[in-house]
Protein backbone atom coordinates (compact mmCIF):
# COMPACT_ATOMS: atom_id res chain seq x y z
CA MET A 1 16.43 -31.16 -24.05
CA LYS A 2 13.02 -30.11 -25.24
CA ASN A 3 12.37 -26.43 -25.56
CA GLU A 4 10.00 -25.42 -22.79
CA VAL A 5 7.45 -22.70 -23.37
CA ALA A 6 7.89 -19.95 -20.78
CA LYS A 7 5.03 -19.90 -18.34
CA PRO A 8 3.11 -16.60 -18.53
CA LYS A 9 3.58 -14.45 -15.47
CA LYS A 10 0.71 -13.38 -13.23
CA GLU A 11 0.37 -9.63 -13.42
CA ILE A 12 -0.27 -7.74 -10.19
CA LEU A 13 -1.30 -4.11 -10.33
CA ILE A 14 0.38 -2.54 -7.30
CA ILE A 15 -1.17 0.66 -5.94
CA GLY A 16 0.51 2.29 -2.97
CA THR A 17 -1.55 5.09 -1.46
CA PHE A 18 -1.62 7.54 1.39
CA HIS A 19 -4.58 6.84 3.64
CA PHE A 20 -7.48 8.77 2.14
CA ALA A 21 -9.36 9.06 5.45
CA ASN A 22 -6.15 10.23 7.19
CA PRO A 23 -6.55 8.52 10.60
CA LYS A 24 -3.11 9.94 11.55
CA LEU A 25 -1.90 6.54 12.73
CA ASP A 26 1.28 6.55 10.63
CA ILE A 27 4.57 7.93 11.91
CA ALA A 28 4.49 10.65 9.26
CA LYS A 29 1.65 13.08 10.06
CA LYS A 30 0.06 14.44 6.89
CA ASN A 31 -2.71 16.89 6.18
CA SER A 32 -5.97 15.66 4.64
CA PHE A 33 -6.72 15.37 0.92
CA ALA A 34 -10.14 16.53 -0.32
CA ILE A 35 -11.29 13.06 -1.37
CA LEU A 36 -14.98 13.90 -1.64
CA ASP A 37 -14.78 16.93 -3.89
CA TYR A 38 -16.18 16.78 -7.42
CA LYS A 39 -12.85 16.78 -9.25
CA THR A 40 -11.38 13.99 -7.12
CA GLN A 41 -14.50 11.85 -7.42
CA ASN A 42 -14.28 12.13 -11.20
CA GLU A 43 -10.64 11.07 -11.03
CA LEU A 44 -11.54 8.04 -8.92
CA THR A 45 -14.18 7.09 -11.48
CA GLU A 46 -11.60 7.38 -14.26
CA ILE A 47 -9.02 5.32 -12.34
CA ALA A 48 -11.58 2.63 -11.55
CA GLN A 49 -12.63 2.45 -15.21
CA LYS A 50 -9.02 2.04 -16.33
CA ILE A 51 -8.48 -0.71 -13.77
CA LYS A 52 -11.63 -2.39 -15.08
CA GLU A 53 -9.99 -2.47 -18.51
CA PHE A 54 -6.91 -4.07 -16.91
CA ASN A 55 -9.45 -6.67 -15.71
CA PRO A 56 -8.12 -8.03 -12.41
CA THR A 57 -10.01 -11.09 -11.14
CA LYS A 58 -9.15 -10.35 -7.50
CA ILE A 59 -8.58 -7.19 -5.47
CA PHE A 60 -6.47 -7.44 -2.29
CA VAL A 61 -6.72 -4.73 0.37
CA GLU A 62 -5.29 -3.63 3.70
CA TRP A 63 -8.07 -5.06 5.86
CA PRO A 64 -7.37 -7.64 8.64
CA TYR A 65 -7.49 -11.06 7.04
CA LYS A 66 -9.27 -12.49 10.09
CA GLN A 67 -12.14 -10.08 9.41
CA GLN A 68 -12.98 -11.26 5.89
CA THR A 69 -16.62 -11.83 6.88
CA GLU A 70 -16.95 -8.23 8.03
CA LEU A 71 -15.37 -6.99 4.81
CA ASP A 72 -17.79 -9.14 2.81
CA SER A 73 -20.72 -7.57 4.66
CA VAL A 74 -19.53 -4.00 4.11
CA TYR A 75 -18.82 -4.64 0.42
CA HIS A 76 -22.28 -6.18 0.00
CA LEU A 77 -23.86 -3.05 1.48
CA TYR A 78 -21.73 -0.88 -0.82
CA LYS A 79 -22.87 -2.75 -3.92
CA LYS A 80 -26.47 -2.30 -2.82
CA GLY A 81 -25.95 1.45 -2.37
CA LEU A 82 -26.69 1.22 1.34
CA LEU A 83 -23.56 2.91 2.70
CA PRO A 84 -23.15 6.65 3.37
CA PRO A 85 -21.47 8.36 0.38
CA ASP A 86 -18.97 10.24 2.58
CA ILE A 87 -16.77 7.32 3.67
CA LYS A 88 -13.33 8.52 2.64
CA ASP A 89 -10.96 5.59 2.98
CA GLU A 90 -9.25 4.08 -0.06
CA ILE A 91 -10.95 0.70 0.32
CA HIS A 92 -14.41 2.25 -0.10
CA GLN A 93 -13.37 4.91 -2.58
CA LEU A 94 -11.17 2.84 -4.88
CA ALA A 95 -11.27 -0.90 -4.13
CA PHE A 96 -15.05 -1.12 -3.71
CA ARG A 97 -15.69 1.26 -6.62
CA THR A 98 -13.50 -0.86 -8.89
CA GLY A 99 -14.81 -4.18 -7.59
CA LYS A 100 -18.38 -3.13 -8.31
CA LEU A 101 -17.44 -2.13 -11.87
CA LEU A 102 -15.78 -5.52 -12.34
CA GLN A 103 -18.80 -7.27 -10.77
CA LEU A 104 -16.52 -9.04 -8.30
CA ASN A 105 -18.31 -11.01 -5.62
CA LYS A 106 -15.77 -10.14 -2.96
CA ILE A 107 -12.75 -8.04 -2.06
CA ASP A 108 -9.95 -10.01 -0.39
CA ALA A 109 -8.65 -9.00 3.05
CA ILE A 110 -4.94 -9.73 3.50
CA ASP A 111 -3.62 -7.48 6.26
CA TYR A 112 -1.76 -9.28 9.03
CA ASN A 113 -1.50 -7.02 12.05
CA ASP A 114 -0.62 -9.42 14.87
CA THR A 115 2.77 -7.71 14.89
CA ASP A 116 4.58 -5.20 17.05
CA PHE A 117 5.81 -1.76 16.00
CA PRO A 118 7.74 -0.34 19.00
CA PHE A 119 8.81 2.97 17.46
CA ASP A 120 8.70 4.65 20.87
CA LYS A 121 11.24 2.12 22.17
CA VAL A 122 13.47 2.83 19.18
CA MET A 123 13.42 6.52 20.09
CA ILE A 124 14.21 5.72 23.73
CA SER A 125 17.13 3.52 22.67
CA LEU A 126 18.52 6.21 20.37
CA LYS A 127 18.52 8.73 23.22
CA LYS A 128 19.91 6.23 25.74
CA ASN A 129 22.81 5.38 23.43
CA ASN A 130 23.47 9.00 22.46
CA GLN A 131 22.76 8.29 18.77
CA LYS A 132 21.66 11.84 18.04
CA GLU A 133 22.95 11.84 14.47
CA LEU A 134 21.10 8.63 13.68
CA GLU A 135 17.95 9.93 15.39
CA ASN A 136 18.10 13.08 13.26
CA HIS A 137 18.65 10.96 10.15
CA ILE A 138 15.60 8.78 10.85
CA MET A 139 13.38 11.72 11.78
CA GLY A 140 14.66 13.55 8.71
CA PHE A 141 13.31 10.77 6.46
CA ILE A 142 9.93 10.99 8.18
CA LYS A 143 9.85 14.79 8.06
CA GLN A 144 10.70 14.69 4.35
CA ILE A 145 7.67 12.47 3.66
CA GLU A 146 5.42 14.83 5.66
CA THR A 147 6.80 17.98 4.02
CA ASP A 148 6.63 16.64 0.47
CA PHE A 149 3.02 15.47 0.91
CA ASN A 150 1.82 18.70 2.51
CA SER A 151 3.65 20.81 -0.09
CA LYS A 152 1.90 18.95 -2.88
CA LEU A 153 -1.45 19.57 -1.17
CA LYS A 154 -0.74 23.30 -1.19
CA GLU A 155 -0.03 23.05 -4.92
CA SER A 156 -3.55 21.58 -5.38
CA ILE A 157 -2.08 18.46 -6.94
CA SER A 158 -4.62 16.02 -8.40
CA LEU A 159 -5.35 12.67 -6.77
CA LYS A 160 -3.82 10.81 -9.70
CA GLU A 161 -0.60 12.78 -9.43
CA MET A 162 -0.50 12.24 -5.66
CA ILE A 163 -0.89 8.49 -6.09
CA TYR A 164 1.72 8.43 -8.86
CA TYR A 165 4.10 10.27 -6.53
CA HIS A 166 3.58 7.60 -3.86
CA ASN A 167 4.57 4.96 -6.41
CA THR A 168 7.77 6.49 -7.73
CA LYS A 169 11.10 4.73 -7.32
CA GLU A 170 12.32 7.68 -5.26
CA PHE A 171 9.41 7.52 -2.78
CA ARG A 172 9.76 3.78 -2.37
CA LYS A 173 13.50 4.06 -1.88
CA THR A 174 13.03 6.68 0.84
CA GLY A 175 10.43 4.51 2.60
CA ASN A 176 12.68 1.47 2.61
CA GLN A 177 15.71 3.49 3.72
CA VAL A 178 13.94 4.50 6.93
CA TYR A 179 13.90 0.88 8.06
CA ASP A 180 17.46 0.34 6.92
CA LYS A 181 18.60 3.18 9.19
CA ILE A 182 16.44 1.97 12.10
CA LEU A 183 18.48 -1.26 12.02
CA GLU A 184 21.43 0.72 13.40
CA THR A 185 19.59 1.64 16.60
CA GLY A 186 21.19 0.64 19.92
CA ASN A 187 24.49 -0.90 20.97
CA HIS A 188 25.71 -4.43 20.20
CA THR A 189 23.37 -5.95 22.82
CA ASP A 190 20.30 -3.87 21.90
CA PHE A 191 18.33 -5.11 18.87
CA ILE A 192 15.16 -3.03 19.18
CA GLY A 193 15.76 -1.49 15.74
CA ALA A 194 16.26 -4.88 14.13
CA TYR A 195 13.18 -6.17 15.98
CA LEU A 196 10.96 -3.34 14.70
CA THR A 197 12.24 -3.82 11.14
CA SER A 198 11.75 -7.58 11.32
CA GLU A 199 8.15 -7.08 12.51
CA TRP A 200 7.52 -4.66 9.64
CA ASN A 201 8.96 -7.15 7.17
CA ARG A 202 6.95 -9.96 8.75
CA ARG A 203 3.71 -8.08 8.25
CA ASN A 204 4.53 -7.55 4.58
CA LEU A 205 5.73 -11.15 4.09
CA TYR A 206 2.51 -12.49 5.58
CA MET A 207 0.45 -10.30 3.25
CA TRP A 208 2.47 -11.49 0.24
CA SER A 209 1.98 -15.06 1.45
CA LEU A 210 -1.80 -14.55 1.59
CA ILE A 211 -1.84 -13.06 -1.91
CA LYS A 212 -0.07 -16.13 -3.27
CA LYS A 213 -2.34 -18.52 -1.36
CA LYS A 214 -5.51 -16.74 -2.50
CA THR A 215 -4.46 -16.61 -6.17
CA THR A 216 -5.18 -19.53 -8.48
CA ASN A 217 -3.92 -20.34 -11.98
CA LYS A 218 -7.08 -18.73 -13.34
CA ASP A 219 -6.07 -15.36 -11.91
CA GLU A 220 -3.89 -13.94 -14.65
CA ARG A 221 -4.28 -10.38 -13.36
CA VAL A 222 -4.94 -9.15 -9.82
CA MET A 223 -4.82 -5.83 -7.99
CA LEU A 224 -3.14 -4.92 -4.70
CA LEU A 225 -4.13 -1.75 -2.81
CA LEU A 226 -2.04 -0.98 0.27
CA GLY A 227 -0.34 1.89 2.04
CA ALA A 228 2.58 3.08 -0.09
CA SER A 229 5.24 2.00 2.42
CA HIS A 230 3.90 -1.58 2.31
CA ILE A 231 4.03 -1.57 -1.48
CA ALA A 232 7.62 -0.28 -1.37
CA ASN A 233 8.58 -3.41 0.54
CA ILE A 234 6.32 -5.95 -1.16
CA LYS A 235 7.31 -4.86 -4.68
CA ASN A 236 10.78 -6.26 -4.03
CA LEU A 237 9.22 -9.60 -3.10
CA ILE A 238 7.09 -9.62 -6.24
CA ASP A 239 9.99 -8.73 -8.50
CA ASP A 240 12.06 -11.57 -7.03
CA THR A 241 9.30 -14.11 -7.79
CA ALA A 242 9.79 -15.81 -11.17
CA ASP A 243 6.14 -16.24 -12.15
CA TRP A 244 4.86 -12.79 -11.09
CA LYS A 245 5.14 -9.37 -12.70
CA SER A 246 4.32 -6.05 -11.04
CA VAL A 247 2.35 -3.45 -13.01
CA GLU A 248 2.17 0.26 -12.16
CA LEU A 249 -1.05 2.27 -11.99
CA ILE A 250 0.35 5.08 -14.13
CA ASP A 251 0.84 2.61 -16.99
CA VAL A 252 -2.68 1.21 -16.62
CA VAL A 253 -4.29 4.66 -16.54
CA ASN A 254 -2.29 5.87 -19.55
CA THR A 255 -2.94 2.77 -21.65
CA LYS A 256 -5.00 3.60 -24.72
CA LYS A 257 -7.69 1.20 -25.85
């Protein structure tokens, strides 16, 4: 047999974040981070510059994939300096900022949200089946995420440190364990917990599918910016894919030229 040269892996910078604009749509209710203050804006500039040095050719974000045209329009206005400077969300503050530095023509929308997330029905099922211990376990995971985030805010933690925290092995493990426990909801004829978890996994699988479809052989490095709980799930998919390699933001920021 001829010796085959190993095919270089595509590198994907994975950045899991809390939602900068804090729309309070997640299960865990967190306080707001001061995204627009001077110190944080300087940090965002530094992060964007470091990502520029990493040199991704595509940036994928949590924006409905069916609304790519709308995202293109908003990004075009951003590059022209025609948007208000106080838009707080992570797409404007980090993805657009970095894309402009890289002179990218577009930011890629990959979110698939034609899914169901019946958390209220999970709670009803837990009460109906007298699964108080399991309910407390699930809510304990969620409360831990809330408490840890809000405690770090009180400590005046920097944005970089907050993002690093959301990308630790421990945080990702906790996020994935919530769904593992939800699987136990209900009796042997009630699969609402499994249904919710399958819908969550489906959303993440569809996003990973879109990343792969939108990436060509020319894209040696790309960037993925999603909510941290999505990254916790999708990282496992990336790591199980032979020709892809995940890269952490902390390593990119701390890389010396």
